Amino acid sequence: MSGTVNPVYDWQQIEIFTRQILGKKAFQDVCTLWQENSGQQSGNGAKQPMRLYIVNDGACPGVSPAAGSPVKSVKLCKRAAVPDYPKNTITGTKKTRIIHRYSLILLTEYENGEFRVITLPRQLSAPGSYRKGSTMAFCGMISTDGQTSVPQRMNDTGCSEKLAIIPEGNSFSAFEYMLTFPLNAFEPAISPVELENPGLKSTIILSNLRYETDIIEPVTVPAGEGSLIWTTAVDLMVYEDITIKLGVDQDIIVQGLSEP
């Protein structure tokens, strides 16, 4: 029988830095890209796919424009979160708000065999606001002035959602999804004393990203100045799980041996 036994007096005090989780809330299969049902009062309807009008390959604006080649398929290659997002804000002592900013990179295949990479919302425009060299798709979430977003809202049993597009110069930089919900939704419940702790911090985890696309049909869209351009109507929805944890950082002292 052989071996080495470390006596107690050889142990060291080891300081471990960790975060104690006070409460957690998980939202599964959250639709973070959608449009409101236009037939309902804002915030009270059901989510429907975002309708994109992707410019056909080879299509150009005109009074009687050439149709170009329609879209055959659309794949989501990447959902890129903006640096420092997602983040959480506690509004008073009753609600918390998750803010998630992101962009989408799509790979589009056309019926003629060509491929294009489209970055949304940077290459989005409002119908009637075609920008040569930058517009790859149109969307009703941008107002007719081509400069501002038309926010989409959803309200359901104490929770509210909002989706908007963030402007940047003459284009748009990101989609902004906001989810607001009551603090009593956390498990376990967080006490008022814990909420007032200045060291309270949030951790937000995004996972299980998935999407749905549906190619509808070729259609002309106003391009501006009395001209039209051929596009393909495509429906797109994006889903992901969102988990938020509230906690405080702590130092824990234990007796043990550290490995090199």
Protein backbone atom coordinates (compact mmCIF):
# COMPACT_ATOMS: atom_id res chain seq x y z
CA MET A 1 0.00 0.00 0.00
CA SER A 2 1.42 3.33 -1.02
CA GLY A 3 0.29 6.87 -1.50
CA THR A 4 0.67 10.37 -0.21
CA VAL A 5 -1.51 11.83 2.50
CA ASN A 6 -1.65 15.59 2.84
CA PRO A 7 -2.00 16.48 6.50
CA VAL A 8 -4.46 19.20 7.49
CA TYR A 9 -1.67 21.62 8.36
CA ASP A 10 -0.52 21.53 4.67
CA TRP A 11 -3.86 22.93 3.48
CA GLN A 12 -4.15 26.52 2.36
CA GLN A 13 -6.83 29.12 2.51
CA ILE A 14 -8.15 29.45 -1.07
CA GLU A 15 -10.27 32.44 -2.05
CA ILE A 16 -12.89 31.74 -4.72
CA PHE A 17 -14.69 34.54 -6.57
CA THR A 18 -18.21 33.58 -7.62
CA ARG A 19 -21.72 34.95 -8.09
CA GLN A 20 -24.57 33.90 -5.82
CA ILE A 21 -27.79 33.60 -7.83
CA LEU A 22 -30.74 35.10 -5.95
CA GLY A 23 -33.39 34.48 -8.60
CA LYS A 24 -33.76 33.12 -12.13
CA LYS A 25 -36.35 33.31 -14.89
CA ALA A 26 -36.24 31.29 -18.11
CA PHE A 27 -38.28 32.17 -21.20
CA GLN A 28 -38.35 29.39 -23.76
CA ASP A 29 -38.94 29.65 -27.51
CA VAL A 30 -39.26 33.45 -27.46
CA CYS A 31 -40.06 34.97 -30.85
CA THR A 32 -37.66 37.92 -31.09
CA LEU A 33 -38.39 38.85 -34.74
CA TRP A 34 -41.98 39.29 -35.84
CA GLN A 35 -44.60 41.78 -37.00
CA GLU A 36 -47.94 42.66 -35.47
CA ASN A 37 -51.15 41.43 -37.00
CA SER A 38 -52.21 44.60 -38.82
CA GLY A 39 -55.89 43.80 -38.30
CA GLN A 40 -55.65 44.13 -34.51
CA GLN A 41 -55.14 47.03 -32.11
CA SER A 42 -51.43 47.52 -31.45
CA GLY A 43 -50.17 45.16 -28.76
CA ASN A 44 -53.34 43.08 -28.55
CA GLY A 45 -53.04 40.84 -31.60
CA ALA A 46 -50.93 37.82 -32.42
CA LYS A 47 -47.41 37.71 -33.74
CA GLN A 48 -47.05 37.05 -37.42
CA PRO A 49 -43.90 36.58 -39.53
CA MET A 50 -41.94 39.62 -40.58
CA ARG A 51 -42.67 40.15 -44.28
CA LEU A 52 -39.51 40.94 -46.21
CA TYR A 53 -39.46 41.94 -49.86
CA ILE A 54 -36.05 40.79 -51.06
CA VAL A 55 -34.87 42.41 -54.29
CA ASN A 56 -34.63 39.87 -57.11
CA ASP A 57 -31.19 39.20 -58.56
CA GLY A 58 -30.62 41.56 -61.48
CA ALA A 59 -33.73 43.64 -60.77
CA CYS A 60 -33.52 47.43 -61.15
CA PRO A 61 -36.04 50.22 -60.53
CA GLY A 62 -38.10 51.42 -63.48
CA VAL A 63 -41.55 52.23 -64.79
CA SER A 64 -41.74 48.79 -66.44
CA PRO A 65 -38.86 47.05 -64.66
CA ALA A 66 -37.29 43.73 -65.58
CA ALA A 67 -38.32 40.96 -63.17
CA GLY A 68 -34.85 39.61 -62.52
CA SER A 69 -34.46 36.21 -60.84
CA PRO A 70 -36.74 35.48 -57.84
CA VAL A 71 -35.54 34.17 -54.48
CA LYS A 72 -35.37 30.39 -54.20
CA SER A 73 -34.34 29.98 -50.54
CA VAL A 74 -33.22 32.00 -47.50
CA LYS A 75 -31.02 30.70 -44.69
CA LEU A 76 -30.09 32.45 -41.46
CA CYS A 77 -26.30 32.18 -41.16
CA LYS A 78 -25.78 34.23 -38.02
CA ARG A 79 -27.58 36.25 -35.38
CA ALA A 80 -24.95 38.71 -34.12
CA ALA A 81 -25.59 40.41 -30.76
CA VAL A 82 -24.45 44.03 -30.48
CA PRO A 83 -21.52 44.48 -28.01
CA ASP A 84 -22.70 44.97 -24.38
CA TYR A 85 -26.08 43.41 -25.23
CA PRO A 86 -28.31 41.82 -24.10
CA LYS A 87 -28.65 43.76 -20.85
CA ASN A 88 -31.15 44.15 -18.06
CA THR A 89 -32.68 47.21 -16.39
CA ILE A 90 -34.78 47.11 -13.22
CA THR A 91 -37.57 49.69 -13.45
CA GLY A 92 -38.36 50.68 -9.87
CA THR A 93 -39.09 47.69 -7.63
CA LYS A 94 -41.80 45.99 -9.64
CA LYS A 95 -40.53 45.24 -13.14
CA THR A 96 -37.38 44.33 -15.03
CA ARG A 97 -36.62 44.88 -18.71
CA ILE A 98 -34.38 42.82 -20.99
CA ILE A 99 -32.97 44.73 -23.97
CA HIS A 100 -31.58 42.59 -26.80
CA ARG A 101 -29.96 44.25 -29.84
CA TYR A 102 -28.85 42.14 -32.76
CA SER A 103 -28.37 41.95 -36.51
CA LEU A 104 -29.08 39.07 -38.90
CA ILE A 105 -26.93 37.72 -41.72
CA LEU A 106 -28.93 35.87 -44.38
CA LEU A 107 -27.69 33.73 -47.26
CA THR A 108 -30.09 34.12 -50.18
CA GLU A 109 -30.20 31.77 -53.16
CA TYR A 110 -31.92 32.85 -56.37
CA GLU A 111 -33.55 30.69 -59.01
CA ASN A 112 -30.74 31.44 -61.47
CA GLY A 113 -28.23 29.83 -59.08
CA GLU A 114 -26.73 33.09 -57.76
CA PHE A 115 -26.16 33.71 -54.05
CA ARG A 116 -26.15 36.94 -52.03
CA VAL A 117 -25.36 37.73 -48.40
CA ILE A 118 -27.84 40.18 -46.86
CA THR A 119 -27.23 41.97 -43.55
CA LEU A 120 -30.39 43.07 -41.75
CA PRO A 121 -31.40 45.67 -40.82
CA ARG A 122 -28.45 47.54 -42.40
CA GLN A 123 -29.60 46.70 -45.94
CA LEU A 124 -33.31 47.22 -45.25
CA SER A 125 -35.37 50.10 -46.66
CA ALA A 126 -38.98 51.23 -46.57
CA PRO A 127 -41.05 50.62 -49.72
CA GLY A 128 -40.56 53.71 -51.86
CA SER A 129 -37.10 54.46 -50.41
CA TYR A 130 -34.81 52.35 -52.59
CA ARG A 131 -31.11 53.20 -52.16
CA LYS A 132 -28.91 52.06 -55.02
CA GLY A 133 -25.99 49.97 -53.84
CA SER A 134 -27.35 49.37 -50.33
CA THR A 135 -31.02 48.28 -50.44
CA MET A 136 -31.33 44.49 -50.59
CA ALA A 137 -34.79 44.18 -49.05
CA PHE A 138 -37.85 46.21 -48.02
CA CYS A 139 -39.88 45.96 -44.83
CA GLY A 140 -43.01 47.58 -43.38
CA MET A 141 -41.25 48.12 -40.04
CA ILE A 142 -39.65 51.23 -41.51
CA SER A 143 -41.84 54.32 -41.90
CA THR A 144 -42.50 55.84 -45.32
CA ASP A 145 -39.93 58.59 -44.64
CA GLY A 146 -37.29 55.85 -44.71
CA GLN A 147 -35.62 57.18 -41.55
CA THR A 148 -37.62 55.94 -38.55
CA SER A 149 -38.82 52.62 -37.21
CA VAL A 150 -42.43 51.52 -36.77
CA PRO A 151 -42.33 49.72 -33.36
CA GLN A 152 -44.12 46.40 -33.00
CA ARG A 153 -45.73 45.68 -29.62
CA MET A 154 -47.22 42.71 -27.81
CA ASN A 155 -48.88 42.54 -24.37
CA ASP A 156 -49.71 39.34 -22.51
CA THR A 157 -50.57 38.69 -18.83
CA GLY A 158 -48.23 41.18 -17.19
CA CYS A 159 -45.45 40.85 -19.77
CA SER A 160 -44.93 43.25 -22.65
CA GLU A 161 -42.72 43.00 -25.73
CA LYS A 162 -41.48 45.60 -28.19
CA LEU A 163 -39.50 45.28 -31.39
CA ALA A 164 -37.94 48.28 -33.14
CA ILE A 165 -35.11 49.07 -35.56
CA ILE A 166 -32.26 51.30 -34.38
CA PRO A 167 -31.25 54.03 -36.89
CA GLU A 168 -27.62 54.86 -37.62
CA GLY A 169 -26.95 57.68 -40.05
CA ASN A 170 -28.78 56.97 -43.31
CA SER A 171 -29.30 53.28 -42.51
CA PHE A 172 -30.16 51.03 -39.56
CA SER A 173 -27.72 49.25 -37.24
CA ALA A 174 -29.74 46.69 -35.27
CA PHE A 175 -33.06 45.21 -34.29
CA GLU A 176 -33.96 45.98 -30.67
CA TYR A 177 -36.14 43.47 -28.84
CA MET A 178 -37.38 44.43 -25.35
CA LEU A 179 -39.12 42.14 -22.87
CA THR A 180 -40.60 43.66 -19.70
CA PHE A 181 -41.97 41.45 -16.93
CA PRO A 182 -42.75 41.65 -13.18
CA LEU A 183 -40.01 40.95 -10.67
CA ASN A 184 -42.23 38.46 -8.85
CA ALA A 185 -41.73 36.14 -11.84
CA PHE A 186 -38.23 35.24 -10.59
CA GLU A 187 -37.74 31.88 -8.90
CA PRO A 188 -37.13 31.95 -5.99
CA ALA A 189 -38.77 35.28 -5.20
CA ILE A 190 -36.36 38.18 -4.63
CA SER A 191 -36.95 40.26 -1.52
CA PRO A 192 -37.11 44.09 -1.59
CA VAL A 193 -33.92 44.20 0.48
CA GLU A 194 -32.07 42.14 -2.14
CA LEU A 195 -33.41 44.36 -4.93
CA GLU A 196 -31.99 47.44 -3.21
CA ASN A 197 -28.53 45.88 -3.00
CA PRO A 198 -26.24 48.18 -5.07
CA GLY A 199 -24.14 45.15 -5.98
CA LEU A 200 -27.05 43.34 -7.68
CA LYS A 201 -26.02 42.19 -11.17
CA SER A 202 -27.70 40.48 -14.11
CA THR A 203 -26.59 37.62 -16.30
CA ILE A 204 -28.55 36.96 -19.51
CA ILE A 205 -28.06 33.76 -21.48
CA LEU A 206 -29.28 33.32 -25.07
CA SER A 207 -29.60 29.79 -26.43
CA ASN A 208 -31.40 27.45 -28.85
CA LEU A 209 -31.61 29.90 -31.76
CA ARG A 210 -33.93 28.79 -34.55
CA TYR A 211 -35.79 30.40 -37.42
CA GLU A 212 -38.59 29.82 -39.91
CA THR A 213 -38.76 31.10 -43.49
CA ASP A 214 -41.42 30.85 -46.16
CA ILE A 215 -40.96 31.96 -49.76
CA ILE A 216 -44.25 33.54 -50.86
CA GLU A 217 -44.20 34.97 -54.41
CA PRO A 218 -42.56 37.59 -56.67
CA VAL A 219 -44.15 41.02 -56.35
CA THR A 220 -43.36 44.59 -57.39
CA VAL A 221 -42.63 47.18 -54.70
CA PRO A 222 -42.50 50.98 -55.03
CA ALA A 223 -38.90 52.13 -55.34
CA GLY A 224 -39.51 55.87 -55.35
CA GLU A 225 -40.04 58.64 -57.92
CA GLY A 226 -42.80 56.70 -59.67
CA SER A 227 -40.66 53.61 -60.29
CA LEU A 228 -41.13 49.98 -59.25
CA ILE A 229 -38.74 47.12 -58.55
CA TRP A 230 -39.30 43.37 -58.59
CA THR A 231 -38.85 41.54 -55.30
CA THR A 232 -39.76 38.22 -53.71
CA ALA A 233 -41.99 38.27 -50.62
CA VAL A 234 -40.39 36.18 -47.84
CA ASP A 235 -41.76 35.56 -44.33
CA LEU A 236 -39.20 35.28 -41.51
CA MET A 237 -39.47 34.57 -37.78
CA VAL A 238 -36.62 34.10 -35.27
CA TYR A 239 -36.87 32.26 -31.94
CA GLU A 240 -34.50 31.74 -29.01
CA ASP A 241 -34.47 30.90 -25.31
CA ILE A 242 -33.73 33.78 -22.93
CA THR A 243 -32.63 33.09 -19.35
CA ILE A 244 -31.96 35.90 -16.87
CA LYS A 245 -30.27 35.49 -13.50
CA LEU A 246 -29.99 38.13 -10.77
CA GLY A 247 -27.22 37.75 -8.25
CA VAL A 248 -24.42 39.30 -6.23
CA ASP A 249 -20.67 38.69 -6.43
CA GLN A 250 -19.11 37.05 -3.41
CA ASP A 251 -15.74 35.90 -2.13
CA ILE A 252 -15.71 32.42 -0.56
CA ILE A 253 -12.79 31.20 1.57
CA VAL A 254 -12.24 27.44 1.67
CA GLN A 255 -9.52 25.16 3.03
CA GLY A 256 -7.86 23.13 0.32
CA LEU A 257 -4.95 22.54 -2.01
CA SER A 258 -4.69 24.39 -5.32
CA GLU A 259 -3.35 22.59 -8.40
CA PRO A 260 -0.65 24.29 -10.48
